[in-house]
Protein backbone atom coordinates (compact mmCIF):
# COMPACT_ATOMS: atom_id res chain seq x y z
CA MET A 1 -87.13 30.83 62.78
CA ASP A 2 -88.75 27.45 62.22
CA ARG A 3 -91.30 29.04 59.90
CA ALA A 4 -88.57 30.67 57.78
CA ALA A 5 -86.72 27.36 57.49
CA GLY A 6 -89.94 25.68 56.34
CA MET A 7 -90.51 28.38 53.74
CA MET A 8 -86.93 28.06 52.46
CA GLY A 9 -87.40 24.30 52.21
CA LYS A 10 -90.52 24.81 50.10
CA VAL A 11 -88.72 27.28 47.84
CA ARG A 12 -85.76 24.91 47.45
CA HIS A 13 -88.12 22.04 46.62
CA SER A 14 -89.95 24.16 44.03
CA VAL A 15 -86.69 25.25 42.38
CA GLU A 16 -85.31 21.70 42.35
CA SER A 17 -88.58 20.36 40.91
CA ALA A 18 -88.44 22.94 38.12
CA LEU A 19 -84.83 22.02 37.40
CA TYR A 20 -85.72 18.32 37.31
CA ARG A 21 -88.41 19.03 34.72
CA ARG A 22 -85.79 20.89 32.67
CA GLY A 23 -83.52 17.85 32.54
CA PHE A 24 -81.34 18.14 35.65
CA ARG A 25 -81.43 14.46 36.64
CA GLN A 26 -78.25 14.32 38.75
CA PRO A 27 -79.27 15.21 42.34
CA ASP A 28 -75.99 16.91 43.27
CA VAL A 29 -75.96 19.04 40.13
CA ARG A 30 -79.61 19.94 40.64
CA ARG A 31 -78.98 20.96 44.28
CA LEU A 32 -75.96 23.02 43.31
CA VAL A 33 -77.82 24.91 40.57
CA ALA A 34 -80.82 25.41 42.88
CA LEU A 35 -78.53 26.81 45.57
CA GLN A 36 -77.00 29.23 43.05
CA ILE A 37 -80.43 30.40 41.87
CA MET A 38 -81.69 30.93 45.42
CA LEU A 39 -78.50 32.68 46.58
CA ALA A 40 -78.39 35.01 43.58
CA ALA A 41 -82.10 35.83 43.82
CA GLY A 42 -82.06 36.28 47.59
CA LEU A 43 -79.01 38.53 47.66
CA SER A 44 -80.29 40.52 44.68
CA LEU A 45 -83.52 41.19 46.54
CA LEU A 46 -81.57 42.10 49.67
CA PHE A 47 -79.44 44.64 47.78
CA ALA A 48 -82.30 45.92 45.59
CA PHE A 49 -82.69 49.02 47.72
CA THR A 50 -79.07 50.13 47.45
CA GLY A 51 -79.57 51.92 44.16
CA MET A 52 -77.21 51.44 41.26
CA TRP A 53 -74.88 49.18 43.26
CA GLY A 54 -77.74 46.76 43.88
CA ALA A 55 -78.70 46.81 40.21
CA ALA A 56 -75.08 46.06 39.27
CA PHE A 57 -75.03 43.22 41.80
CA ALA A 58 -78.24 41.77 40.37
CA ALA A 59 -76.88 42.01 36.82
CA GLY A 60 -73.66 40.24 37.84
CA ALA A 61 -75.58 37.56 39.74
CA LEU A 62 -77.87 37.03 36.75
CA ILE A 63 -74.95 36.68 34.34
CA ALA A 64 -73.20 34.25 36.68
CA THR A 65 -76.37 32.20 37.26
CA VAL A 66 -77.26 31.94 33.57
CA ASN A 67 -73.73 30.84 32.68
CA PHE A 68 -73.58 28.42 35.60
CA TYR A 69 -76.96 26.95 34.64
CA ALA A 70 -75.79 26.46 31.06
CA LEU A 71 -72.48 24.94 32.17
CA ALA A 72 -74.22 22.48 34.51
CA ARG A 73 -76.65 21.54 31.77
CA PHE A 74 -73.76 21.09 29.32
CA ALA A 75 -71.88 18.87 31.77
CA GLN A 76 -74.91 16.58 32.17
CA MET A 77 -75.52 16.43 28.43
CA ALA A 78 -71.87 15.82 27.58
CA ILE A 79 -72.02 12.50 29.38
CA HIS A 80 -74.97 11.23 27.33
CA VAL A 81 -74.35 12.90 23.95
CA PRO A 82 -73.38 10.62 21.07
CA GLN A 83 -69.85 11.07 19.76
CA GLY A 84 -69.60 13.94 17.30
CA ALA A 85 -72.60 15.81 18.68
CA ALA A 86 -70.49 17.61 21.28
CA GLY A 87 -69.32 20.09 18.63
CA ALA A 88 -72.67 21.87 18.72
CA GLN A 89 -72.48 22.11 22.49
CA VAL A 90 -68.98 23.60 22.30
CA MET A 91 -70.20 26.11 19.71
CA ARG A 92 -73.01 27.14 22.07
CA PHE A 93 -70.41 27.65 24.78
CA PHE A 94 -68.43 30.06 22.61
CA ILE A 95 -71.56 31.92 21.55
CA ARG A 96 -72.57 32.28 25.21
CA LEU A 97 -69.05 33.45 26.07
CA GLY A 98 -69.27 36.11 23.34
CA LEU A 99 -72.71 37.25 24.49
CA THR A 100 -71.45 37.48 28.06
CA GLY A 101 -68.61 39.69 26.85
CA VAL A 102 -71.02 41.95 25.00
CA VAL A 103 -73.32 42.23 28.03
CA LEU A 104 -70.37 43.04 30.32
CA TYR A 105 -69.14 45.66 27.83
CA VAL A 106 -72.56 47.33 27.75
CA LEU A 107 -72.88 47.25 31.54
CA ILE A 108 -69.38 48.61 32.23
CA ILE A 109 -68.65 50.97 29.33
CA ARG A 110 -72.06 52.12 28.12
CA LEU A 111 -74.06 52.12 31.36
CA GLY A 112 -71.20 52.71 33.79
CA VAL A 113 -72.48 50.36 36.48
CA PRO A 114 -70.39 50.17 39.68
CA LEU A 115 -67.70 47.55 39.15
CA SER A 116 -67.73 46.50 42.80
CA GLY A 117 -71.43 45.61 42.58
CA LEU A 118 -71.00 43.80 39.28
CA LEU A 119 -68.02 41.80 40.55
CA ALA A 120 -69.80 40.98 43.81
CA GLY A 121 -72.72 39.61 41.80
CA LEU A 122 -70.43 37.58 39.57
CA THR A 123 -68.79 35.97 42.62
CA THR A 124 -72.06 34.43 43.80
CA VAL A 125 -71.03 31.28 41.91
CA VAL A 126 -67.84 31.07 43.98
CA VAL A 127 -69.82 31.49 47.21
CA THR A 128 -72.28 28.82 46.07
CA ALA A 129 -69.50 26.35 45.26
CA LEU A 130 -67.75 26.99 48.58
CA ALA A 131 -70.99 26.63 50.58
CA TRP A 132 -71.99 23.48 48.73
CA GLY A 133 -68.52 21.98 49.19
CA ALA A 134 -68.45 22.87 52.89
CA VAL A 135 -71.84 21.25 53.45
CA ARG A 136 -70.81 18.11 51.57
CA TYR A 137 -67.46 17.93 53.36
CA SER A 138 -69.01 18.43 56.80
CA GLY A 139 -71.40 15.56 56.12
CA GLN A 140 -68.59 13.08 55.50
CA LYS A 141 -66.81 11.18 58.22
CA VAL A 142 -63.12 11.94 58.30
CA LYS A 143 -60.78 9.00 58.93
CA GLU A 144 -57.38 9.61 60.38
CA ALA A 145 -54.41 7.46 59.45
C-alpha cells in the first residue's frame, strides 16, 4: 500500500510539474486540474476492458478534462489579461463549446455510444470538484459560535 501511495505521489508531481510549465501558476488550480487528469485517466484505464461502455466513459472523461483544463487556464489568464483582450478568450470559449457539441453529436447520434458511459465520464469533473472541496474543507479548523 505504501508503494502505491509513493507511485501516486510521483505521478501527481509529474502532472503538476507539466501543468506548471504550461502556465498553471496558482497552486490550487494546478492541483485541481492535476486531480481531474489523474481521475479521468485512472478511471478510463479501469473501465477500458468493459467494451463500448468503457470507450464511452473515456470519451466523456476526455471531453470533460479538456474543457476543464481550458476553463482553468482561461480563469488564470482572465486575471492578468489587459482590458479588451478578454474578447478573444470569450470567442475561444464559444468555439470550444461548439466543438464540444459537434463531438457529442458524433458520439451519440453517429456512433451510438452508450449514454450512461458517456455521462459517467462527463461527471468526472463533478467528482473531482467534490473530492477537492472535501479535502480542503477537512483540512480547515471549524470554529463554533
